[in-house]
């Protein structure tokens, strides 16, 4: 599981996918989210701007990111 350290109170889902190396670009992140391929805390998430906070777990393409 990869870890993303928060610099502010939250990070947006699309930004987290890029920062964690799970998406090569913002466009890749956008389409993955729109296609229902990304889960946040075990549930499919369709909002690219979803705010992630400490403790959230993102799943995509068999990999996980934890927000800390």
PDB file of N, CA and C in Angstrom:
ATOM      1  N   UNK A   1       0.849  -1.178   0.000  1.00  0.00           N
ATOM      2  CA  UNK A   1       0.000   0.000   0.000  1.00  0.00           C
ATOM      3  C   UNK A   1       0.894   1.241   0.000  1.00  0.00           C
ATOM      4  N   UNK A   2       0.606   2.154  -0.910  1.00  0.00           N
ATOM      5  CA  UNK A   2       1.343   3.408  -0.979  1.00  0.00           C
ATOM      6  C   UNK A   2       0.697   4.406  -0.019  1.00  0.00           C
ATOM      7  N   UNK A   3       1.490   5.375   0.400  1.00  0.00           N
ATOM      8  CA  UNK A   3       1.002   6.366   1.356  1.00  0.00           C
ATOM      9  C   UNK A   3       1.174   7.761   0.765  1.00  0.00           C
ATOM     10  N   UNK A   4       0.159   8.586   0.951  1.00  0.00           N
ATOM     11  CA  UNK A   4       0.229   9.987   0.535  1.00  0.00           C
ATOM     12  C   UNK A   4       0.119  10.842   1.785  1.00  0.00           C
ATOM     13  N   UNK A   5       1.124  11.686   2.002  1.00  0.00           N
ATOM     14  CA  UNK A   5       1.117  12.598   3.137  1.00  0.00           C
ATOM     15  C   UNK A   5       0.352  13.858   2.757  1.00  0.00           C
ATOM     16  N   UNK A   6      -0.615  14.228   3.555  1.00  0.00           N
ATOM     17  CA  UNK A   6      -1.375  15.454   3.314  1.00  0.00           C
ATOM     18  C   UNK A   6      -0.520  16.668   3.662  1.00  0.00           C
ATOM     19  N   UNK A   7      -0.570  17.671   2.795  1.00  0.00           N
ATOM     20  CA  UNK A   7       0.091  18.941   3.079  1.00  0.00           C
ATOM     21  C   UNK A   7      -0.932  19.948   3.587  1.00  0.00           C
ATOM     22  N   UNK A   8      -2.200  19.732   3.212  1.00  0.00           N
ATOM     23  CA  UNK A   8      -3.305  20.576   3.655  1.00  0.00           C
ATOM     24  C   UNK A   8      -4.310  19.674   4.380  1.00  0.00           C
ATOM     25  N   UNK A   9      -5.530  20.169   4.557  1.00  0.00           N
ATOM     26  CA  UNK A   9      -6.558  19.388   5.244  1.00  0.00           C
ATOM     27  C   UNK A   9      -7.076  18.239   4.398  1.00  0.00           C
ATOM     28  N   UNK A  10      -6.959  18.371   3.063  1.00  0.00           N
ATOM     29  CA  UNK A  10      -7.484  17.334   2.173  1.00  0.00           C
ATOM     30  C   UNK A  10      -6.716  17.343   0.850  1.00  0.00           C
ATOM     31  N   UNK A  11      -6.967  16.318   0.041  1.00  0.00           N
ATOM     32  CA  UNK A  11      -6.456  16.249  -1.320  1.00  0.00           C
ATOM     33  C   UNK A  11      -7.604  15.699  -2.169  1.00  0.00           C
ATOM     34  N   UNK A  12      -7.712  16.190  -3.385  1.00  0.00           N
ATOM     35  CA  UNK A  12      -8.781  15.715  -4.263  1.00  0.00           C
ATOM     36  C   UNK A  12      -8.402  14.372  -4.863  1.00  0.00           C
ATOM     37  N   UNK A  13      -9.411  13.583  -5.158  1.00  0.00           N
ATOM     38  CA  UNK A  13      -9.208  12.226  -5.645  1.00  0.00           C
ATOM     39  C   UNK A  13      -8.312  12.179  -6.882  1.00  0.00           C
ATOM     40  N   UNK A  14      -8.590  12.998  -7.878  1.00  0.00           N
ATOM     41  CA  UNK A  14      -7.776  13.018  -9.088  1.00  0.00           C
ATOM     42  C   UNK A  14      -6.323  13.338  -8.797  1.00  0.00           C
ATOM     43  N   UNK A  15      -6.093  14.289  -7.902  1.00  0.00           N
ATOM     44  CA  UNK A  15      -4.733  14.663  -7.518  1.00  0.00           C
ATOM     45  C   UNK A  15      -4.037  13.524  -6.781  1.00  0.00           C
ATOM     46  N   UNK A  16      -4.781  12.815  -5.944  1.00  0.00           N
ATOM     47  CA  UNK A  16      -4.209  11.701  -5.190  1.00  0.00           C
ATOM     48  C   UNK A  16      -3.773  10.577  -6.127  1.00  0.00           C
ATOM     49  N   UNK A  17      -4.583  10.293  -7.150  1.00  0.00           N
ATOM     50  CA  UNK A  17      -4.215   9.248  -8.110  1.00  0.00           C
ATOM     51  C   UNK A  17      -2.920   9.610  -8.834  1.00  0.00           C
ATOM     52  N   UNK A  18      -2.772  10.868  -9.195  1.00  0.00           N
ATOM     53  CA  UNK A  18      -1.549  11.316  -9.859  1.00  0.00           C
ATOM     54  C   UNK A  18      -0.368  11.282  -8.891  1.00  0.00           C
ATOM     55  N   UNK A  19      -0.551  11.829  -7.699  1.00  0.00           N
ATOM     56  CA  UNK A  19       0.526  11.905  -6.716  1.00  0.00           C
ATOM     57  C   UNK A  19       1.019  10.518  -6.304  1.00  0.00           C
ATOM     58  N   UNK A  20       0.097   9.553  -6.264  1.00  0.00           N
ATOM     59  CA  UNK A  20       0.465   8.195  -5.875  1.00  0.00           C
ATOM     60  C   UNK A  20       1.001   7.357  -7.020  1.00  0.00           C
ATOM     61  N   UNK A  21       1.030   7.931  -8.209  1.00  0.00           N
ATOM     62  CA  UNK A  21       1.554   7.217  -9.367  1.00  0.00           C
ATOM     63  C   UNK A  21       0.593   6.201  -9.962  1.00  0.00           C
ATOM     64  N   UNK A  22      -0.673   6.257  -9.581  1.00  0.00           N
ATOM     65  CA  UNK A  22      -1.648   5.311 -10.116  1.00  0.00           C
ATOM     66  C   UNK A  22      -2.240   5.787 -11.437  1.00  0.00           C
ATOM     67  N   UNK A  23      -2.117   7.081 -11.714  1.00  0.00           N
ATOM     68  CA  UNK A  23      -2.582   7.637 -12.988  1.00  0.00           C
ATOM     69  C   UNK A  23      -1.453   8.495 -13.551  1.00  0.00           C
ATOM     70  N   UNK A  24      -1.208   8.353 -14.838  1.00  0.00           N
ATOM     71  CA  UNK A  24      -0.110   9.082 -15.462  1.00  0.00           C
ATOM     72  C   UNK A  24      -0.381  10.562 -15.644  1.00  0.00           C
ATOM     73  N   UNK A  25      -1.657  10.919 -15.738  1.00  0.00           N
ATOM     74  CA  UNK A  25      -2.018  12.321 -15.945  1.00  0.00           C
ATOM     75  C   UNK A  25      -3.401  12.580 -15.359  1.00  0.00           C
ATOM     76  N   UNK A  26      -3.774  13.847 -15.348  1.00  0.00           N
ATOM     77  CA  UNK A  26      -5.105  14.201 -14.880  1.00  0.00           C
ATOM     78  C   UNK A  26      -6.193  13.624 -15.765  1.00  0.00           C
ATOM     79  N   UNK A  27      -5.906  13.537 -17.062  1.00  0.00           N
ATOM     80  CA  UNK A  27      -6.876  12.968 -17.999  1.00  0.00           C
ATOM     81  C   UNK A  27      -7.078  11.482 -17.710  1.00  0.00           C
ATOM     82  N   UNK A  28      -5.989  10.763 -17.455  1.00  0.00           N
ATOM     83  CA  UNK A  28      -6.090   9.340 -17.117  1.00  0.00           C
ATOM     84  C   UNK A  28      -6.916   9.151 -15.842  1.00  0.00           C
ATOM     85  N   UNK A  29      -6.655   9.994 -14.852  1.00  0.00           N
ATOM     86  CA  UNK A  29      -7.400   9.918 -13.587  1.00  0.00           C
ATOM     87  C   UNK A  29      -8.880  10.200 -13.824  1.00  0.00           C
ATOM     88  N   UNK A  30      -9.171  11.221 -14.626  1.00  0.00           N
ATOM     89  CA  UNK A  30     -10.547  11.599 -14.916  1.00  0.00           C
ATOM     90  C   UNK A  30     -11.331  10.437 -15.522  1.00  0.00           C
ATOM     91  N   UNK A  31     -10.754   9.801 -16.540  1.00  0.00           N
ATOM     92  CA  UNK A  31     -11.460   8.712 -17.206  1.00  0.00           C
ATOM     93  C   UNK A  31     -11.604   7.482 -16.310  1.00  0.00           C
ATOM     94  N   UNK A  32     -10.588   7.182 -15.509  1.00  0.00           N
ATOM     95  CA  UNK A  32     -10.676   6.044 -14.598  1.00  0.00           C
ATOM     96  C   UNK A  32     -11.811   6.246 -13.593  1.00  0.00           C
ATOM     97  N   UNK A  33     -11.928   7.477 -13.088  1.00  0.00           N
ATOM     98  CA  UNK A  33     -12.981   7.791 -12.118  1.00  0.00           C
ATOM     99  C   UNK A  33     -14.348   7.754 -12.793  1.00  0.00           C
ATOM    100  N   UNK A  34     -14.462   8.382 -13.967  1.00  0.00           N
ATOM    101  CA  UNK A  34     -15.738   8.393 -14.692  1.00  0.00           C
ATOM    102  C   UNK A  34     -16.202   6.991 -15.060  1.00  0.00           C
ATOM    103  N   UNK A  35     -15.256   6.098 -15.334  1.00  0.00           N
ATOM    104  CA  UNK A  35     -15.592   4.728 -15.731  1.00  0.00           C
ATOM    105  C   UNK A  35     -15.904   3.821 -14.546  1.00  0.00           C
ATOM    106  N   UNK A  36     -15.857   4.366 -13.325  1.00  0.00           N
ATOM    107  CA  UNK A  36     -16.193   3.591 -12.136  1.00  0.00           C
ATOM    108  C   UNK A  36     -15.128   2.595 -11.726  1.00  0.00           C
ATOM    109  N   UNK A  37     -13.875   2.891 -12.041  1.00  0.00           N
ATOM    110  CA  UNK A  37     -12.781   1.971 -11.746  1.00  0.00           C
ATOM    111  C   UNK A  37     -12.068   2.282 -10.431  1.00  0.00           C
ATOM    112  N   UNK A  38     -12.467   3.374  -9.781  1.00  0.00           N
ATOM    113  CA  UNK A  38     -11.782   3.821  -8.566  1.00  0.00           C
ATOM    114  C   UNK A  38     -12.720   3.687  -7.366  1.00  0.00           C
ATOM    115  N   UNK A  39     -12.189   3.130  -6.294  1.00  0.00           N
ATOM    116  CA  UNK A  39     -12.956   3.013  -5.049  1.00  0.00           C
ATOM    117  C   UNK A  39     -12.309   3.871  -3.964  1.00  0.00           C
ATOM    118  N   UNK A  40     -13.153   4.466  -3.134  1.00  0.00           N
ATOM    119  CA  UNK A  40     -12.704   5.188  -1.952  1.00  0.00           C
ATOM    120  C   UNK A  40     -13.373   4.533  -0.763  1.00  0.00           C
ATOM    121  N   UNK A  41     -12.560   4.031   0.149  1.00  0.00           N
ATOM    122  CA  UNK A  41     -13.071   3.334   1.335  1.00  0.00           C
ATOM    123  C   UNK A  41     -14.033   2.210   0.959  1.00  0.00           C
ATOM    124  N   UNK A  42     -13.695   1.492  -0.124  1.00  0.00           N
ATOM    125  CA  UNK A  42     -14.452   0.314  -0.521  1.00  0.00           C
ATOM    126  C   UNK A  42     -15.656   0.572  -1.401  1.00  0.00           C
ATOM    127  N   UNK A  43     -15.970   1.846  -1.701  1.00  0.00           N
ATOM    128  CA  UNK A  43     -17.126   2.166  -2.525  1.00  0.00           C
ATOM    129  C   UNK A  43     -16.690   2.899  -3.782  1.00  0.00           C
ATOM    130  N   UNK A  44     -17.313   2.561  -4.911  1.00  0.00           N
ATOM    131  CA  UNK A  44     -16.986   3.201  -6.184  1.00  0.00           C
ATOM    132  C   UNK A  44     -17.277   4.698  -6.075  1.00  0.00           C
ATOM    133  N   UNK A  45     -16.324   5.502  -6.532  1.00  0.00           N
ATOM    134  CA  UNK A  45     -16.462   6.962  -6.473  1.00  0.00           C
ATOM    135  C   UNK A  45     -16.394   7.536  -7.883  1.00  0.00           C
ATOM    136  N   UNK A  46     -17.340   8.398  -8.220  1.00  0.00           N
ATOM    137  CA  UNK A  46     -17.409   8.996  -9.554  1.00  0.00           C
ATOM    138  C   UNK A  46     -17.042  10.476  -9.566  1.00  0.00           C
ATOM    139  N   UNK A  47     -16.732  11.053  -8.411  1.00  0.00           N
ATOM    140  CA  UNK A  47     -16.405  12.482  -8.333  1.00  0.00           C
ATOM    141  C   UNK A  47     -14.896  12.680  -8.301  1.00  0.00           C
ATOM    142  N   UNK A  48     -14.370  13.273  -9.357  1.00  0.00           N
ATOM    143  CA  UNK A  48     -12.928  13.514  -9.442  1.00  0.00           C
ATOM    144  C   UNK A  48     -12.482  14.480  -8.348  1.00  0.00           C
ATOM    145  N   UNK A  49     -13.371  15.405  -7.972  1.00  0.00           N
ATOM    146  CA  UNK A  49     -13.036  16.399  -6.963  1.00  0.00           C
ATOM    147  C   UNK A  49     -13.334  15.971  -5.539  1.00  0.00           C
ATOM    148  N   UNK A  50     -13.667  14.704  -5.336  1.00  0.00           N
ATOM    149  CA  UNK A  50     -13.950  14.173  -3.992  1.00  0.00           C
ATOM    150  C   UNK A  50     -12.778  14.503  -3.071  1.00  0.00           C
ATOM    151  N   UNK A  51     -13.071  15.128  -1.940  1.00  0.00           N
ATOM    152  CA  UNK A  51     -12.019  15.500  -1.000  1.00  0.00           C
ATOM    153  C   UNK A  51     -11.673  14.313  -0.115  1.00  0.00           C
ATOM    154  N   UNK A  52     -10.411  13.947  -0.126  1.00  0.00           N
ATOM    155  CA  UNK A  52      -9.922  12.846   0.698  1.00  0.00           C
ATOM    156  C   UNK A  52      -9.223  13.421   1.923  1.00  0.00           C
ATOM    157  N   UNK A  53      -9.448  12.779   3.050  1.00  0.00           N
ATOM    158  CA  UNK A  53      -8.858  13.230   4.310  1.00  0.00           C
ATOM    159  C   UNK A  53      -8.092  12.076   4.956  1.00  0.00           C
ATOM    160  N   UNK A  54      -7.444  12.378   6.065  1.00  0.00           N
ATOM    161  CA  UNK A  54      -6.652  11.388   6.793  1.00  0.00           C
ATOM    162  C   UNK A  54      -7.461  10.112   7.034  1.00  0.00           C
ATOM    163  N   UNK A  55      -6.874   8.981   6.683  1.00  0.00           N
ATOM    164  CA  UNK A  55      -7.515   7.697   6.925  1.00  0.00           C
ATOM    165  C   UNK A  55      -8.243   7.118   5.724  1.00  0.00           C
ATOM    166  N   UNK A  56      -8.498   7.929   4.687  1.00  0.00           N
ATOM    167  CA  UNK A  56      -9.168   7.416   3.494  1.00  0.00           C
ATOM    168  C   UNK A  56      -8.233   6.481   2.723  1.00  0.00           C
ATOM    169  N   UNK A  57      -8.830   5.464   2.102  1.00  0.00           N
ATOM    170  CA  UNK A  57      -8.068   4.500   1.297  1.00  0.00           C
ATOM    171  C   UNK A  57      -8.658   4.483  -0.111  1.00  0.00           C
ATOM    172  N   UNK A  58      -7.792   4.670  -1.092  1.00  0.00           N
ATOM    173  CA  UNK A  58      -8.180   4.687  -2.506  1.00  0.00           C
ATOM    174  C   UNK A  58      -7.680   3.397  -3.150  1.00  0.00           C
ATOM    175  N   UNK A  59      -8.543   2.752  -3.935  1.00  0.00           N
ATOM    176  CA  UNK A  59      -8.169   1.533  -4.655  1.00  0.00           C
ATOM    177  C   UNK A  59      -8.345   1.753  -6.150  1.00  0.00           C
ATOM    178  N   UNK A  60      -7.335   1.375  -6.918  1.00  0.00           N
ATOM    179  CA  UNK A  60      -7.410   1.467  -8.376  1.00  0.00           C
ATOM    180  C   UNK A  60      -6.416   0.504  -8.988  1.00  0.00           C
ATOM    181  N   UNK A  61      -6.874  -0.261  -9.944  1.00  0.00           N
ATOM    182  CA  UNK A  61      -6.005  -1.145 -10.734  1.00  0.00           C
ATOM    183  C   UNK A  61      -5.195  -2.104  -9.844  1.00  0.00           C
ATOM    184  N   UNK A  62      -5.812  -2.595  -8.791  1.00  0.00           N
ATOM    185  CA  UNK A  62      -5.154  -3.558  -7.913  1.00  0.00           C
ATOM    186  C   UNK A  62      -4.190  -2.951  -6.908  1.00  0.00           C
ATOM    187  N   UNK A  63      -4.112  -1.634  -6.858  1.00  0.00           N
ATOM    188  CA  UNK A  63      -3.224  -0.965  -5.921  1.00  0.00           C
ATOM    189  C   UNK A  63      -4.031  -0.098  -4.956  1.00  0.00           C
ATOM    190  N   UNK A  64      -3.436   0.166  -3.790  1.00  0.00           N
ATOM    191  CA  UNK A  64      -4.117   0.969  -2.783  1.00  0.00           C
ATOM    192  C   UNK A  64      -3.235   2.142  -2.366  1.00  0.00           C
ATOM    193  N   UNK A  65      -3.906   3.243  -2.064  1.00  0.00           N
ATOM    194  CA  UNK A  65      -3.259   4.442  -1.514  1.00  0.00           C
ATOM    195  C   UNK A  65      -3.916   4.760  -0.182  1.00  0.00           C
ATOM    196  N   UNK A  66      -3.131   5.051   0.812  1.00  0.00           N
ATOM    197  CA  UNK A  66      -3.701   5.498   2.091  1.00  0.00           C
ATOM    198  C   UNK A  66      -3.336   6.973   2.274  1.00  0.00           C
ATOM    199  N   UNK A  67      -4.317   7.749   2.663  1.00  0.00           N
ATOM    200  CA  UNK A  67      -4.117   9.178   2.914  1.00  0.00           C
ATOM    201  C   UNK A  67      -3.804   9.365   4.395  1.00  0.00           C
ATOM    202  N   UNK A  68      -2.651   9.954   4.670  1.00  0.00           N
ATOM    203  CA  UNK A  68      -2.250  10.202   6.065  1.00  0.00           C
ATOM    204  C   UNK A  68      -1.784  11.628   6.255  1.00  0.00           C
TER     205      UNK A  68
END
